[in-house]
Amino acid sequence: MATSPVAGLLLAAGGGLRLGGRPKALLTYRGRLFVDLAAEALRAAGCAPVHVVLGAAAPEVRTRAALTGCAVVENPDWPTGMGSSLRAGLASLPGAAGAALVVLVDQPRIGAAAMRRVAGAYRSPAGLAAAAYGGRRGHPVLIGAEHFAGVCAGARGDVGARGYLRGREVALVECGDVAAPDDVDEPGDLVDLPT
């Protein structure tokens, strides 16, 4: 599999407790599974390899999703929160990766255009970058490989890289013109997605 300096890392393990236990990877937007939309967007953005972290309903996701060309990482600790998925995903990346572009499965309106912009901010394994929406930091987040260990040390419960990034220089890449950072956390959020 060809590689680029920026690997794609899709966190798709959540069980969707506030959605009545519907795993977020299996939700659909415009007739496509969330997990398929995000994985395809990472590939279209030029990320390689693309690793997808699964947890809740992983066997069903593997059966229903079209994750061809992706490495699937199963996180048995997914119920403990997103932090464990971030740790599992970063640990799974090849040593040649200069950075990881971290994408959350529950943001279906962030596509390849925004991912490509943030991945394009890669300069070295020491770098950090994130999408911004009207100047406010969001996802995706680009984490240089030199930061992997520090991010993993602080990723616990539902806290991913936020604590580690606080106080560090993070290049912001405005993406508000090409994406919307809406999270799908509750049933009403699905209803509010534009068709």
Protein backbone atom coordinates (compact mmCIF):
# COMPACT_ATOMS: atom_id res chain seq x y z
CA MET A 1 0.00 0.00 0.00
CA ALA A 2 1.38 3.41 -0.95
CA THR A 3 2.04 5.83 1.87
CA SER A 4 2.09 9.59 2.19
CA PRO A 5 3.61 11.59 5.03
CA VAL A 6 0.07 11.91 6.45
CA ALA A 7 -1.84 8.81 7.50
CA GLY A 8 -5.61 8.97 7.92
CA LEU A 9 -7.05 7.94 11.28
CA LEU A 10 -10.81 7.57 11.54
CA LEU A 11 -12.26 7.12 15.03
CA ALA A 12 -15.47 5.13 14.50
CA ALA A 13 -15.85 3.01 17.64
CA GLY A 14 -18.60 4.85 19.54
CA GLY A 15 -21.76 3.08 20.60
CA GLY A 16 -24.05 6.10 20.27
CA LEU A 17 -25.49 5.91 23.79
CA ARG A 18 -27.32 9.23 23.39
CA LEU A 19 -28.66 7.91 20.08
CA GLY A 20 -30.35 4.98 21.78
CA GLY A 21 -27.38 2.67 21.34
CA ARG A 22 -27.08 3.08 17.57
CA PRO A 23 -23.37 2.79 16.68
CA LYS A 24 -22.33 5.96 14.89
CA ALA A 25 -20.38 4.11 12.21
CA LEU A 26 -23.66 2.57 11.00
CA LEU A 27 -25.66 5.79 10.80
CA THR A 28 -26.41 7.00 7.29
CA TYR A 29 -26.25 10.35 5.52
CA ARG A 30 -27.47 10.73 1.97
CA GLY A 31 -27.78 6.96 1.70
CA ARG A 32 -24.22 6.17 2.80
CA LEU A 33 -22.84 4.86 6.07
CA PHE A 34 -21.02 7.50 8.13
CA VAL A 35 -17.95 5.24 8.29
CA ASP A 36 -17.84 4.85 4.51
CA LEU A 37 -18.21 8.59 3.89
CA ALA A 38 -15.34 9.47 6.22
CA ALA A 39 -12.98 6.70 5.07
CA GLU A 40 -13.57 7.57 1.43
CA ALA A 41 -12.97 11.27 2.18
CA LEU A 42 -9.65 10.48 3.89
CA ARG A 43 -8.50 8.52 0.85
CA ALA A 44 -9.67 11.30 -1.50
CA ALA A 45 -7.73 13.81 0.60
CA GLY A 46 -4.53 11.89 -0.15
CA CYS A 47 -4.03 10.24 3.24
CA ALA A 48 -2.30 6.86 3.12
CA PRO A 49 -2.61 4.52 4.78
CA VAL A 50 -6.09 4.99 6.25
CA HIS A 51 -6.74 3.24 9.57
CA VAL A 52 -10.28 2.89 10.91
CA VAL A 53 -10.83 2.22 14.61
CA LEU A 54 -13.97 0.18 15.28
CA GLY A 55 -15.57 -0.86 18.55
CA ALA A 56 -19.35 -1.00 18.99
CA ALA A 57 -20.91 -3.50 16.57
CA ALA A 58 -17.53 -4.04 14.89
CA PRO A 59 -18.58 -7.32 13.17
CA GLU A 60 -21.65 -5.63 11.66
CA VAL A 61 -19.61 -2.62 10.56
CA ARG A 62 -17.07 -4.92 8.89
CA THR A 63 -19.90 -6.71 7.06
CA ARG A 64 -21.82 -3.64 5.93
CA ALA A 65 -19.08 -1.07 5.33
CA ALA A 66 -16.96 -0.77 2.21
CA LEU A 67 -13.60 -0.27 3.89
CA THR A 68 -11.54 -1.58 0.98
CA GLY A 69 -7.98 -0.33 1.20
CA CYS A 70 -8.32 0.60 4.87
CA ALA A 71 -6.65 -1.08 7.84
CA VAL A 72 -9.28 -1.91 10.45
CA VAL A 73 -8.25 -1.66 14.09
CA GLU A 74 -10.62 -3.09 16.69
CA ASN A 75 -10.60 -1.37 20.07
CA PRO A 76 -11.95 -3.72 22.75
CA ASP A 77 -11.83 -0.84 25.26
CA TRP A 78 -14.17 1.40 23.23
CA PRO A 79 -16.75 1.66 26.08
CA THR A 80 -14.19 3.63 28.11
CA GLY A 81 -14.38 6.53 25.65
CA MET A 82 -12.73 8.11 22.65
CA GLY A 83 -9.34 8.33 24.36
CA SER A 84 -8.80 4.57 24.08
CA SER A 85 -9.68 4.65 20.37
CA LEU A 86 -7.21 7.46 19.73
CA ARG A 87 -4.49 5.52 21.55
CA ALA A 88 -5.26 2.32 19.63
CA GLY A 89 -5.33 4.15 16.32
CA LEU A 90 -2.08 6.03 16.80
CA ALA A 91 -0.36 2.84 18.00
CA SER A 92 -1.48 1.04 14.84
CA LEU A 93 0.12 3.49 12.40
CA PRO A 94 3.32 2.54 10.58
CA GLY A 95 6.57 4.06 11.77
CA ALA A 96 6.95 5.85 8.44
CA ALA A 97 3.93 8.07 9.11
CA GLY A 98 4.99 11.67 9.61
CA ALA A 99 1.59 12.63 11.00
CA ALA A 100 -1.96 11.43 11.51
CA LEU A 101 -5.02 13.28 10.29
CA VAL A 102 -7.59 12.42 12.97
CA VAL A 103 -11.24 12.42 11.87
CA LEU A 104 -14.36 11.67 13.93
CA VAL A 105 -17.04 9.48 12.36
CA ASP A 106 -19.92 11.56 13.77
CA GLN A 107 -19.21 14.64 11.63
CA PRO A 108 -20.55 13.63 8.19
CA ARG A 109 -20.42 17.15 6.77
CA ILE A 110 -16.64 17.28 7.00
CA GLY A 111 -15.45 15.88 3.70
CA ALA A 112 -12.38 15.51 1.55
CA ALA A 113 -11.97 19.26 0.86
CA ALA A 114 -11.47 20.13 4.54
CA MET A 115 -9.37 17.03 5.17
CA ARG A 116 -7.12 17.90 2.21
CA ARG A 117 -6.63 21.44 3.51
CA VAL A 118 -5.62 20.34 6.98
CA ALA A 119 -3.40 17.52 5.68
CA GLY A 120 -1.76 20.13 3.45
CA ALA A 121 -0.57 21.96 6.57
CA TYR A 122 1.90 19.11 7.21
CA ARG A 123 5.48 20.38 7.28
CA SER A 124 7.28 17.99 9.63
CA PRO A 125 6.64 15.34 12.31
CA ALA A 126 6.89 18.16 14.88
CA GLY A 127 3.82 19.99 13.53
CA LEU A 128 0.28 20.35 14.81
CA ALA A 129 -2.67 21.71 12.84
CA ALA A 130 -6.45 21.73 13.00
CA ALA A 131 -9.43 22.82 10.98
CA ALA A 132 -11.07 26.05 12.04
CA TYR A 133 -14.64 27.15 11.50
CA GLY A 134 -15.01 30.90 11.76
CA GLY A 135 -11.70 30.95 13.61
CA ARG A 136 -12.79 28.33 16.16
CA ARG A 137 -10.71 25.14 16.32
CA GLY A 138 -12.37 21.87 15.35
CA HIS A 139 -11.74 18.66 13.42
CA PRO A 140 -9.95 17.21 11.62
CA VAL A 141 -6.75 17.53 13.62
CA LEU A 142 -3.27 16.89 12.24
CA ILE A 143 -0.92 15.40 14.82
CA GLY A 144 2.76 15.15 13.94
CA ALA A 145 4.41 11.84 14.83
CA GLU A 146 6.66 13.50 17.41
CA HIS A 147 3.50 14.20 19.44
CA PHE A 148 1.99 10.70 19.32
CA ALA A 149 3.41 9.58 22.69
CA GLY A 150 2.33 12.77 24.45
CA VAL A 151 -1.17 12.62 22.97
CA CYS A 152 -1.52 8.97 24.00
CA ALA A 153 -0.40 9.74 27.55
CA GLY A 154 -3.23 12.24 27.97
CA ALA A 155 -5.98 10.48 25.99
CA ARG A 156 -8.31 9.08 28.64
CA GLY A 157 -12.07 8.66 28.86
CA ASP A 158 -13.77 10.93 26.35
CA VAL A 159 -10.77 13.23 26.19
CA GLY A 160 -8.73 12.80 23.03
CA ALA A 161 -5.93 15.20 22.13
CA ARG A 162 -7.61 18.34 23.54
CA GLY A 163 -5.64 18.46 26.78
CA TYR A 164 -2.34 17.84 25.05
CA LEU A 165 -2.98 20.53 22.43
CA ARG A 166 -3.92 23.16 25.01
CA GLY A 167 -1.09 25.66 25.27
CA ARG A 168 0.77 24.31 22.24
CA GLU A 169 1.14 26.03 18.90
CA VAL A 170 -1.51 24.61 16.58
CA ALA A 171 -1.75 25.98 13.05
CA LEU A 172 -5.41 26.74 12.27
CA VAL A 173 -6.66 26.04 8.75
CA GLU A 174 -9.96 27.75 7.96
CA CYS A 175 -12.46 25.26 6.53
CA GLY A 176 -15.80 26.96 7.18
CA ASP A 177 -16.33 27.57 3.48
CA VAL A 178 -16.07 23.87 2.56
CA ALA A 179 -17.35 21.96 5.61
CA ALA A 180 -19.60 22.11 8.66
CA PRO A 181 -18.41 20.67 12.00
CA ASP A 182 -21.83 19.50 13.24
CA ASP A 183 -21.59 16.51 15.60
CA VAL A 184 -24.27 13.86 15.51
CA ASP A 185 -24.76 12.99 19.18
CA GLU A 186 -28.53 12.88 19.65
CA PRO A 187 -31.53 11.87 17.48
CA GLY A 188 -32.37 15.51 16.76
CA ASP A 189 -28.93 15.99 15.24
CA LEU A 190 -29.76 13.43 12.56
CA VAL A 191 -33.01 15.21 11.75
CA ASP A 192 -31.16 18.52 11.44
CA LEU A 193 -28.69 17.26 8.81
CA PRO A 194 -29.40 18.86 5.41
CA THR A 195 -30.58 16.43 2.78
